[in-house]
PDB file of N, CA and C in Angstrom:
ATOM      1  N   UNK A   1      -6.601 -38.929  -6.650  1.00  0.00           N
ATOM      2  CA  UNK A   1      -6.884 -37.838  -5.743  1.00  0.00           C
ATOM      3  C   UNK A   1      -5.591 -37.266  -5.173  1.00  0.00           C
ATOM      4  N   UNK A   2      -4.730 -38.155  -4.719  1.00  0.00           N
ATOM      5  CA  UNK A   2      -3.466 -37.726  -4.137  1.00  0.00           C
ATOM      6  C   UNK A   2      -2.597 -37.048  -5.197  1.00  0.00           C
ATOM      7  N   UNK A   3      -2.603 -37.571  -6.403  1.00  0.00           N
ATOM      8  CA  UNK A   3      -1.807 -36.986  -7.488  1.00  0.00           C
ATOM      9  C   UNK A   3      -2.323 -35.601  -7.844  1.00  0.00           C
ATOM     10  N   UNK A   4      -3.629 -35.435  -7.860  1.00  0.00           N
ATOM     11  CA  UNK A   4      -4.221 -34.132  -8.153  1.00  0.00           C
ATOM     12  C   UNK A   4      -3.835 -33.093  -7.116  1.00  0.00           C
ATOM     13  N   UNK A   5      -3.903 -33.472  -5.861  1.00  0.00           N
ATOM     14  CA  UNK A   5      -3.504 -32.549  -4.800  1.00  0.00           C
ATOM     15  C   UNK A   5      -2.028 -32.210  -4.888  1.00  0.00           C
ATOM     16  N   UNK A   6      -1.217 -33.207  -5.226  1.00  0.00           N
ATOM     17  CA  UNK A   6       0.215 -32.972  -5.370  1.00  0.00           C
ATOM     18  C   UNK A   6       0.486 -31.980  -6.501  1.00  0.00           C
ATOM     19  N   UNK A   7      -0.221 -32.123  -7.617  1.00  0.00           N
ATOM     20  CA  UNK A   7      -0.036 -31.208  -8.744  1.00  0.00           C
ATOM     21  C   UNK A   7      -0.467 -29.788  -8.386  1.00  0.00           C
ATOM     22  N   UNK A   8      -1.568 -29.656  -7.691  1.00  0.00           N
ATOM     23  CA  UNK A   8      -2.036 -28.331  -7.285  1.00  0.00           C
ATOM     24  C   UNK A   8      -1.040 -27.705  -6.310  1.00  0.00           C
ATOM     25  N   UNK A   9      -0.605 -28.471  -5.340  1.00  0.00           N
ATOM     26  CA  UNK A   9       0.336 -27.955  -4.341  1.00  0.00           C
ATOM     27  C   UNK A   9       1.665 -27.566  -4.989  1.00  0.00           C
ATOM     28  N   UNK A  10       2.175 -28.396  -5.893  1.00  0.00           N
ATOM     29  CA  UNK A  10       3.432 -28.067  -6.558  1.00  0.00           C
ATOM     30  C   UNK A  10       3.260 -26.856  -7.471  1.00  0.00           C
ATOM     31  N   UNK A  11       2.064 -26.691  -8.025  1.00  0.00           N
ATOM     32  CA  UNK A  11       1.801 -25.499  -8.834  1.00  0.00           C
ATOM     33  C   UNK A  11       1.873 -24.233  -8.006  1.00  0.00           C
ATOM     34  N   UNK A  12       1.298 -24.268  -6.803  1.00  0.00           N
ATOM     35  CA  UNK A  12       1.373 -23.109  -5.918  1.00  0.00           C
ATOM     36  C   UNK A  12       2.814 -22.813  -5.517  1.00  0.00           C
ATOM     37  N   UNK A  13       3.557 -23.847  -5.218  1.00  0.00           N
ATOM     38  CA  UNK A  13       4.962 -23.637  -4.842  1.00  0.00           C
ATOM     39  C   UNK A  13       5.768 -23.101  -6.009  1.00  0.00           C
ATOM     40  N   UNK A  14       5.454 -23.539  -7.193  1.00  0.00           N
ATOM     41  CA  UNK A  14       6.166 -23.061  -8.375  1.00  0.00           C
ATOM     42  C   UNK A  14       5.840 -21.620  -8.708  1.00  0.00           C
ATOM     43  N   UNK A  15       4.637 -21.181  -8.379  1.00  0.00           N
ATOM     44  CA  UNK A  15       4.220 -19.816  -8.694  1.00  0.00           C
ATOM     45  C   UNK A  15       4.676 -18.805  -7.645  1.00  0.00           C
ATOM     46  N   UNK A  16       5.018 -19.251  -6.454  1.00  0.00           N
ATOM     47  CA  UNK A  16       5.393 -18.331  -5.377  1.00  0.00           C
ATOM     48  C   UNK A  16       6.586 -17.451  -5.744  1.00  0.00           C
ATOM     49  N   UNK A  17       7.679 -18.000  -6.285  1.00  0.00           N
ATOM     50  CA  UNK A  17       8.786 -17.109  -6.647  1.00  0.00           C
ATOM     51  C   UNK A  17       8.409 -16.113  -7.737  1.00  0.00           C
ATOM     52  N   UNK A  18       7.549 -16.503  -8.647  1.00  0.00           N
ATOM     53  CA  UNK A  18       7.113 -15.576  -9.685  1.00  0.00           C
ATOM     54  C   UNK A  18       6.275 -14.452  -9.091  1.00  0.00           C
ATOM     55  N   UNK A  19       5.436 -14.776  -8.140  1.00  0.00           N
ATOM     56  CA  UNK A  19       4.620 -13.750  -7.492  1.00  0.00           C
ATOM     57  C   UNK A  19       5.495 -12.779  -6.708  1.00  0.00           C
ATOM     58  N   UNK A  20       6.509 -13.293  -6.042  1.00  0.00           N
ATOM     59  CA  UNK A  20       7.417 -12.407  -5.308  1.00  0.00           C
ATOM     60  C   UNK A  20       8.211 -11.534  -6.261  1.00  0.00           C
ATOM     61  N   UNK A  21       8.623 -12.084  -7.392  1.00  0.00           N
ATOM     62  CA  UNK A  21       9.361 -11.289  -8.371  1.00  0.00           C
ATOM     63  C   UNK A  21       8.471 -10.205  -8.950  1.00  0.00           C
ATOM     64  N   UNK A  22       7.209 -10.507  -9.157  1.00  0.00           N
ATOM     65  CA  UNK A  22       6.267  -9.527  -9.672  1.00  0.00           C
ATOM     66  C   UNK A  22       6.073  -8.404  -8.662  1.00  0.00           C
ATOM     67  N   UNK A  23       6.053  -8.746  -7.376  1.00  0.00           N
ATOM     68  CA  UNK A  23       5.833  -7.738  -6.340  1.00  0.00           C
ATOM     69  C   UNK A  23       6.945  -6.706  -6.323  1.00  0.00           C
ATOM     70  N   UNK A  24       8.136  -7.072  -6.703  1.00  0.00           N
ATOM     71  CA  UNK A  24       9.243  -6.138  -6.692  1.00  0.00           C
ATOM     72  C   UNK A  24       9.519  -5.508  -8.045  1.00  0.00           C
ATOM     73  N   UNK A  25       8.601  -5.632  -8.972  1.00  0.00           N
ATOM     74  CA  UNK A  25       8.837  -5.104 -10.312  1.00  0.00           C
ATOM     75  C   UNK A  25       8.778  -3.580 -10.307  1.00  0.00           C
ATOM     76  N   UNK A  26       9.520  -2.958 -11.212  1.00  0.00           N
ATOM     77  CA  UNK A  26       9.499  -1.489 -11.273  1.00  0.00           C
ATOM     78  C   UNK A  26       8.105  -0.931 -11.552  1.00  0.00           C
ATOM     79  N   UNK A  27       7.323  -1.662 -12.328  1.00  0.00           N
ATOM     80  CA  UNK A  27       5.963  -1.206 -12.640  1.00  0.00           C
ATOM     81  C   UNK A  27       5.113  -1.178 -11.374  1.00  0.00           C
ATOM     82  N   UNK A  28       5.266  -2.193 -10.543  1.00  0.00           N
ATOM     83  CA  UNK A  28       4.501  -2.262  -9.302  1.00  0.00           C
ATOM     84  C   UNK A  28       4.932  -1.149  -8.346  1.00  0.00           C
ATOM     85  N   UNK A  29       6.221  -0.916  -8.260  1.00  0.00           N
ATOM     86  CA  UNK A  29       6.726   0.137  -7.372  1.00  0.00           C
ATOM     87  C   UNK A  29       6.240   1.504  -7.835  1.00  0.00           C
ATOM     88  N   UNK A  30       6.294   1.766  -9.139  1.00  0.00           N
ATOM     89  CA  UNK A  30       5.856   3.078  -9.632  1.00  0.00           C
ATOM     90  C   UNK A  30       4.345   3.255  -9.460  1.00  0.00           C
ATOM     91  N   UNK A  31       3.572   2.182  -9.600  1.00  0.00           N
ATOM     92  CA  UNK A  31       2.127   2.274  -9.374  1.00  0.00           C
ATOM     93  C   UNK A  31       1.848   2.591  -7.905  1.00  0.00           C
ATOM     94  N   UNK A  32       2.595   1.955  -7.006  1.00  0.00           N
ATOM     95  CA  UNK A  32       2.437   2.242  -5.580  1.00  0.00           C
ATOM     96  C   UNK A  32       2.819   3.683  -5.267  1.00  0.00           C
ATOM     97  N   UNK A  33       3.874   4.184  -5.913  1.00  0.00           N
ATOM     98  CA  UNK A  33       4.298   5.559  -5.671  1.00  0.00           C
ATOM     99  C   UNK A  33       3.244   6.551  -6.163  1.00  0.00           C
ATOM    100  N   UNK A  34       2.661   6.274  -7.331  1.00  0.00           N
ATOM    101  CA  UNK A  34       1.592   7.149  -7.831  1.00  0.00           C
ATOM    102  C   UNK A  34       0.392   7.135  -6.878  1.00  0.00           C
ATOM    103  N   UNK A  35       0.045   5.961  -6.398  1.00  0.00           N
ATOM    104  CA  UNK A  35      -1.069   5.846  -5.465  1.00  0.00           C
ATOM    105  C   UNK A  35      -0.752   6.584  -4.172  1.00  0.00           C
ATOM    106  N   UNK A  36       0.507   6.514  -3.721  1.00  0.00           N
ATOM    107  CA  UNK A  36       0.891   7.206  -2.498  1.00  0.00           C
ATOM    108  C   UNK A  36       0.804   8.725  -2.692  1.00  0.00           C
ATOM    109  N   UNK A  37       1.181   9.224  -3.867  1.00  0.00           N
ATOM    110  CA  UNK A  37       1.063  10.658  -4.137  1.00  0.00           C
ATOM    111  C   UNK A  37      -0.396  11.102  -4.083  1.00  0.00           C
ATOM    112  N   UNK A  38      -1.290  10.269  -4.631  1.00  0.00           N
ATOM    113  CA  UNK A  38      -2.711  10.602  -4.578  1.00  0.00           C
ATOM    114  C   UNK A  38      -3.218  10.603  -3.144  1.00  0.00           C
ATOM    115  N   UNK A  39      -2.769   9.624  -2.357  1.00  0.00           N
ATOM    116  CA  UNK A  39      -3.189   9.573  -0.953  1.00  0.00           C
ATOM    117  C   UNK A  39      -2.637  10.757  -0.165  1.00  0.00           C
ATOM    118  N   UNK A  40      -1.398  11.164  -0.452  1.00  0.00           N
ATOM    119  CA  UNK A  40      -0.822  12.315   0.239  1.00  0.00           C
ATOM    120  C   UNK A  40      -1.577  13.590  -0.112  1.00  0.00           C
ATOM    121  N   UNK A  41      -1.986  13.711  -1.375  1.00  0.00           N
ATOM    122  CA  UNK A  41      -2.772  14.868  -1.790  1.00  0.00           C
ATOM    123  C   UNK A  41      -4.111  14.885  -1.051  1.00  0.00           C
ATOM    124  N   UNK A  42      -4.755  13.707  -0.977  1.00  0.00           N
ATOM    125  CA  UNK A  42      -6.032  13.611  -0.274  1.00  0.00           C
ATOM    126  C   UNK A  42      -5.851  13.907   1.211  1.00  0.00           C
ATOM    127  N   UNK A  43      -4.727  13.474   1.794  1.00  0.00           N
ATOM    128  CA  UNK A  43      -4.451  13.758   3.204  1.00  0.00           C
ATOM    129  C   UNK A  43      -4.333  15.263   3.432  1.00  0.00           C
ATOM    130  N   UNK A  44      -3.575  15.933   2.564  1.00  0.00           N
ATOM    131  CA  UNK A  44      -3.447  17.395   2.708  1.00  0.00           C
ATOM    132  C   UNK A  44      -4.813  18.080   2.596  1.00  0.00           C
ATOM    133  N   UNK A  45      -5.619  17.601   1.667  1.00  0.00           N
ATOM    134  CA  UNK A  45      -6.960  18.157   1.488  1.00  0.00           C
ATOM    135  C   UNK A  45      -7.809  17.932   2.744  1.00  0.00           C
ATOM    136  N   UNK A  46      -7.761  16.727   3.292  1.00  0.00           N
ATOM    137  CA  UNK A  46      -8.537  16.414   4.497  1.00  0.00           C
ATOM    138  C   UNK A  46      -8.032  17.199   5.704  1.00  0.00           C
ATOM    139  N   UNK A  47      -6.714  17.385   5.790  1.00  0.00           N
ATOM    140  CA  UNK A  47      -6.169  18.163   6.904  1.00  0.00           C
ATOM    141  C   UNK A  47      -6.595  19.627   6.812  1.00  0.00           C
ATOM    142  N   UNK A  48      -6.615  20.167   5.594  1.00  0.00           N
ATOM    143  CA  UNK A  48      -7.040  21.562   5.457  1.00  0.00           C
ATOM    144  C   UNK A  48      -8.535  21.705   5.753  1.00  0.00           C
ATOM    145  N   UNK A  49      -9.347  20.704   5.385  1.00  0.00           N
ATOM    146  CA  UNK A  49     -10.772  20.747   5.708  1.00  0.00           C
ATOM    147  C   UNK A  49     -10.973  20.671   7.225  1.00  0.00           C
ATOM    148  N   UNK A  50     -10.161  19.832   7.901  1.00  0.00           N
ATOM    149  CA  UNK A  50     -10.242  19.735   9.354  1.00  0.00           C
ATOM    150  C   UNK A  50      -9.870  21.065  10.002  1.00  0.00           C
ATOM    151  N   UNK A  51      -8.807  21.676   9.519  1.00  0.00           N
ATOM    152  CA  UNK A  51      -8.397  22.971  10.070  1.00  0.00           C
ATOM    153  C   UNK A  51      -9.483  24.026   9.839  1.00  0.00           C
ATOM    154  N   UNK A  52     -10.088  24.017   8.673  1.00  0.00           N
ATOM    155  CA  UNK A  52     -11.167  24.964   8.373  1.00  0.00           C
ATOM    156  C   UNK A  52     -12.346  24.751   9.320  1.00  0.00           C
ATOM    157  N   UNK A  53     -12.723  23.473   9.496  1.00  0.00           N
ATOM    158  CA  UNK A  53     -13.850  23.175  10.385  1.00  0.00           C
ATOM    159  C   UNK A  53     -13.550  23.597  11.820  1.00  0.00           C
ATOM    160  N   UNK A  54     -12.335  23.411  12.262  1.00  0.00           N
ATOM    161  CA  UNK A  54     -11.983  23.828  13.628  1.00  0.00           C
ATOM    162  C   UNK A  54     -12.001  25.346  13.766  1.00  0.00           C
ATOM    163  N   UNK A  55     -11.480  26.038  12.754  1.00  0.00           N
ATOM    164  CA  UNK A  55     -11.462  27.509  12.797  1.00  0.00           C
ATOM    165  C   UNK A  55     -12.869  28.090  12.805  1.00  0.00           C
ATOM    166  N   UNK A  56     -13.742  27.478  12.029  1.00  0.00           N
ATOM    167  CA  UNK A  56     -15.100  28.016  11.890  1.00  0.00           C
ATOM    168  C   UNK A  56     -16.102  27.325  12.813  1.00  0.00           C
ATOM    169  N   UNK A  57     -15.583  26.606  13.784  1.00  0.00           N
ATOM    170  CA  UNK A  57     -16.394  25.990  14.838  1.00  0.00           C
ATOM    171  C   UNK A  57     -17.544  25.148  14.279  1.00  0.00           C
ATOM    172  N   UNK A  58     -17.162  24.191  13.445  1.00  0.00           N
ATOM    173  CA  UNK A  58     -18.160  23.252  12.918  1.00  0.00           C
ATOM    174  C   UNK A  58     -18.632  22.347  14.058  1.00  0.00           C
ATOM    175  N   UNK A  59     -19.725  21.650  13.819  1.00  0.00           N
ATOM    176  CA  UNK A  59     -20.225  20.792  14.891  1.00  0.00           C
ATOM    177  C   UNK A  59     -19.239  19.662  15.185  1.00  0.00           C
ATOM    178  N   UNK A  60     -19.350  19.136  16.381  1.00  0.00           N
ATOM    179  CA  UNK A  60     -18.400  18.144  16.874  1.00  0.00           C
ATOM    180  C   UNK A  60     -18.368  16.883  16.013  1.00  0.00           C
ATOM    181  N   UNK A  61     -19.516  16.458  15.517  1.00  0.00           N
ATOM    182  CA  UNK A  61     -19.581  15.248  14.685  1.00  0.00           C
ATOM    183  C   UNK A  61     -18.779  15.424  13.397  1.00  0.00           C
ATOM    184  N   UNK A  62     -18.866  16.621  12.798  1.00  0.00           N
ATOM    185  CA  UNK A  62     -18.114  16.875  11.569  1.00  0.00           C
ATOM    186  C   UNK A  62     -16.612  16.866  11.842  1.00  0.00           C
ATOM    187  N   UNK A  63     -16.195  17.444  12.937  1.00  0.00           N
ATOM    188  CA  UNK A  63     -14.774  17.458  13.288  1.00  0.00           C
ATOM    189  C   UNK A  63     -14.277  16.042  13.550  1.00  0.00           C
ATOM    190  N   UNK A  64     -15.077  15.237  14.253  1.00  0.00           N
ATOM    191  CA  UNK A  64     -14.683  13.847  14.506  1.00  0.00           C
ATOM    192  C   UNK A  64     -14.594  13.055  13.202  1.00  0.00           C
ATOM    193  N   UNK A  65     -15.519  13.310  12.286  1.00  0.00           N
ATOM    194  CA  UNK A  65     -15.480  12.628  10.981  1.00  0.00           C
ATOM    195  C   UNK A  65     -14.219  13.025  10.206  1.00  0.00           C
ATOM    196  N   UNK A  66     -13.874  14.316  10.256  1.00  0.00           N
ATOM    197  CA  UNK A  66     -12.659  14.778   9.573  1.00  0.00           C
ATOM    198  C   UNK A  66     -11.414  14.165  10.205  1.00  0.00           C
ATOM    199  N   UNK A  67     -11.386  14.095  11.525  1.00  0.00           N
ATOM    200  CA  UNK A  67     -10.247  13.495  12.209  1.00  0.00           C
ATOM    201  C   UNK A  67     -10.111  12.014  11.851  1.00  0.00           C
ATOM    202  N   UNK A  68     -11.231  11.317  11.779  1.00  0.00           N
ATOM    203  CA  UNK A  68     -11.196   9.901  11.406  1.00  0.00           C
ATOM    204  C   UNK A  68     -10.673   9.731   9.980  1.00  0.00           C
ATOM    205  N   UNK A  69     -11.082  10.622   9.077  1.00  0.00           N
ATOM    206  CA  UNK A  69     -10.608  10.536   7.691  1.00  0.00           C
ATOM    207  C   UNK A  69      -9.105  10.790   7.614  1.00  0.00           C
ATOM    208  N   UNK A  70      -8.610  11.749   8.392  1.00  0.00           N
ATOM    209  CA  UNK A  70      -7.177  12.022   8.419  1.00  0.00           C
ATOM    210  C   UNK A  70      -6.416  10.809   8.953  1.00  0.00           C
ATOM    211  N   UNK A  71      -6.936  10.183  10.016  1.00  0.00           N
ATOM    212  CA  UNK A  71      -6.294   8.982  10.549  1.00  0.00           C
ATOM    213  C   UNK A  71      -6.273   7.860   9.515  1.00  0.00           C
ATOM    214  N   UNK A  72      -7.391   7.664   8.819  1.00  0.00           N
ATOM    215  CA  UNK A  72      -7.448   6.625   7.786  1.00  0.00           C
ATOM    216  C   UNK A  72      -6.454   6.898   6.662  1.00  0.00           C
ATOM    217  N   UNK A  73      -6.359   8.161   6.260  1.00  0.00           N
ATOM    218  CA  UNK A  73      -5.399   8.524   5.207  1.00  0.00           C
ATOM    219  C   UNK A  73      -3.971   8.227   5.651  1.00  0.00           C
ATOM    220  N   UNK A  74      -3.651   8.571   6.886  1.00  0.00           N
ATOM    221  CA  UNK A  74      -2.301   8.335   7.398  1.00  0.00           C
ATOM    222  C   UNK A  74      -1.988   6.850   7.468  1.00  0.00           C
ATOM    223  N   UNK A  75      -2.976   6.047   7.887  1.00  0.00           N
ATOM    224  CA  UNK A  75      -2.742   4.600   7.946  1.00  0.00           C
ATOM    225  C   UNK A  75      -2.550   4.013   6.556  1.00  0.00           C
ATOM    226  N   UNK A  76      -3.307   4.495   5.581  1.00  0.00           N
ATOM    227  CA  UNK A  76      -3.172   4.003   4.214  1.00  0.00           C
ATOM    228  C   UNK A  76      -1.798   4.367   3.647  1.00  0.00           C
ATOM    229  N   UNK A  77      -1.334   5.580   3.923  1.00  0.00           N
ATOM    230  CA  UNK A  77      -0.016   6.005   3.454  1.00  0.00           C
ATOM    231  C   UNK A  77       1.067   5.180   4.125  1.00  0.00           C
ATOM    232  N   UNK A  78       0.935   4.944   5.415  1.00  0.00           N
ATOM    233  CA  UNK A  78       1.912   4.139   6.141  1.00  0.00           C
ATOM    234  C   UNK A  78       1.987   2.723   5.564  1.00  0.00           C
ATOM    235  N   UNK A  79       0.846   2.157   5.279  1.00  0.00           N
ATOM    236  CA  UNK A  79       0.799   0.813   4.700  1.00  0.00           C
ATOM    237  C   UNK A  79       1.423   0.783   3.309  1.00  0.00           C
ATOM    238  N   UNK A  80       1.138   1.792   2.510  1.00  0.00           N
ATOM    239  CA  UNK A  80       1.694   1.854   1.161  1.00  0.00           C
ATOM    240  C   UNK A  80       3.202   2.058   1.195  1.00  0.00           C
ATOM    241  N   UNK A  81       3.683   2.877   2.133  1.00  0.00           N
ATOM    242  CA  UNK A  81       5.134   3.039   2.275  1.00  0.00           C
ATOM    243  C   UNK A  81       5.806   1.716   2.626  1.00  0.00           C
ATOM    244  N   UNK A  82       5.158   0.948   3.506  1.00  0.00           N
ATOM    245  CA  UNK A  82       5.708  -0.363   3.862  1.00  0.00           C
ATOM    246  C   UNK A  82       5.723  -1.290   2.651  1.00  0.00           C
ATOM    247  N   UNK A  83       4.679  -1.238   1.826  1.00  0.00           N
ATOM    248  CA  UNK A  83       4.642  -2.054   0.613  1.00  0.00           C
ATOM    249  C   UNK A  83       5.765  -1.671  -0.346  1.00  0.00           C
ATOM    250  N   UNK A  84       5.974  -0.381  -0.518  1.00  0.00           N
ATOM    251  CA  UNK A  84       7.041   0.089  -1.415  1.00  0.00           C
ATOM    252  C   UNK A  84       8.396  -0.357  -0.888  1.00  0.00           C
ATOM    253  N   UNK A  85       8.597  -0.221   0.412  1.00  0.00           N
ATOM    254  CA  UNK A  85       9.863  -0.637   1.017  1.00  0.00           C
ATOM    255  C   UNK A  85      10.088  -2.134   0.824  1.00  0.00           C
ATOM    256  N   UNK A  86       9.033  -2.932   1.046  1.00  0.00           N
ATOM    257  CA  UNK A  86       9.138  -4.376   0.857  1.00  0.00           C
ATOM    258  C   UNK A  86       9.419  -4.723  -0.604  1.00  0.00           C
ATOM    259  N   UNK A  87       8.754  -4.040  -1.536  1.00  0.00           N
ATOM    260  CA  UNK A  87       8.975  -4.296  -2.958  1.00  0.00           C
ATOM    261  C   UNK A  87      10.410  -3.972  -3.359  1.00  0.00           C
ATOM    262  N   UNK A  88      10.937  -2.878  -2.827  1.00  0.00           N
ATOM    263  CA  UNK A  88      12.327  -2.522  -3.148  1.00  0.00           C
ATOM    264  C   UNK A  88      13.303  -3.552  -2.580  1.00  0.00           C
ATOM    265  N   UNK A  89      13.022  -4.019  -1.359  1.00  0.00           N
ATOM    266  CA  UNK A  89      13.880  -5.043  -0.769  1.00  0.00           C
ATOM    267  C   UNK A  89      13.822  -6.330  -1.574  1.00  0.00           C
ATOM    268  N   UNK A  90      12.622  -6.718  -2.009  1.00  0.00           N
ATOM    269  CA  UNK A  90      12.489  -7.918  -2.838  1.00  0.00           C
ATOM    270  C   UNK A  90      13.242  -7.758  -4.153  1.00  0.00           C
ATOM    271  N   UNK A  91      13.134  -6.579  -4.719  1.00  0.00           N
ATOM    272  CA  UNK A  91      13.819  -6.337  -5.996  1.00  0.00           C
ATOM    273  C   UNK A  91      15.332  -6.436  -5.824  1.00  0.00           C
ATOM    274  N   UNK A  92      15.855  -5.828  -4.760  1.00  0.00           N
ATOM    275  CA  UNK A  92      17.300  -5.926  -4.504  1.00  0.00           C
ATOM    276  C   UNK A  92      17.701  -7.374  -4.258  1.00  0.00           C
ATOM    277  N   UNK A  93      16.866  -8.101  -3.511  1.00  0.00           N
ATOM    278  CA  UNK A  93      17.168  -9.497  -3.195  1.00  0.00           C
ATOM    279  C   UNK A  93      17.233 -10.339  -4.468  1.00  0.00           C
ATOM    280  N   UNK A  94      16.265 -10.162  -5.359  1.00  0.00           N
ATOM    281  CA  UNK A  94      16.250 -10.970  -6.576  1.00  0.00           C
ATOM    282  C   UNK A  94      17.353 -10.571  -7.545  1.00  0.00           C
ATOM    283  N   UNK A  95      17.698  -9.280  -7.589  1.00  0.00           N
ATOM    284  CA  UNK A  95      18.780  -8.854  -8.465  1.00  0.00           C
ATOM    285  C   UNK A  95      20.117  -9.402  -7.995  1.00  0.00           C
ATOM    286  N   UNK A  96      20.300  -9.488  -6.680  1.00  0.00           N
ATOM    287  CA  UNK A  96      21.541 -10.051  -6.144  1.00  0.00           C
ATOM    288  C   UNK A  96      21.667 -11.533  -6.481  1.00  0.00           C
ATOM    289  N   UNK A  97      20.552 -12.242  -6.442  1.00  0.00           N
ATOM    290  CA  UNK A  97      20.597 -13.675  -6.651  1.00  0.00           C
ATOM    291  C   UNK A  97      20.482 -14.089  -8.115  1.00  0.00           C
ATOM    292  N   UNK A  98      20.152 -13.150  -8.996  1.00  0.00           N
ATOM    293  CA  UNK A  98      20.090 -13.465 -10.417  1.00  0.00           C
ATOM    294  C   UNK A  98      21.468 -13.547 -11.036  1.00  0.00           C
ATOM    295  N   UNK A  99      22.381 -12.743 -10.518  1.00  0.00           N
ATOM    296  CA  UNK A  99      23.721 -12.687 -11.106  1.00  0.00           C
ATOM    297  C   UNK A  99      24.514 -13.880 -10.846  1.00  0.00           C
TER     298      UNK A  99
END
């Protein structure tokens, strides 16, 4: 039992550096950037819908729903930017230590 747990635990520890290296891979960064472009496009679309609803005096519930969607889009973009920044830092860190 103890040996089995030790093997599982050492397996997790052995995989951690590989997972971190994968997180900073160029493929992962470019996928995040593509996703961020899609989110930015959706944000612009939601902002224009909100502006349209405000101009044409849509009901209050619709305006609140649009505002909530814009907030959600902004939070998702902020989170994705942080992921990209972290991935780039990890990539720089691993490239420095590989040499």
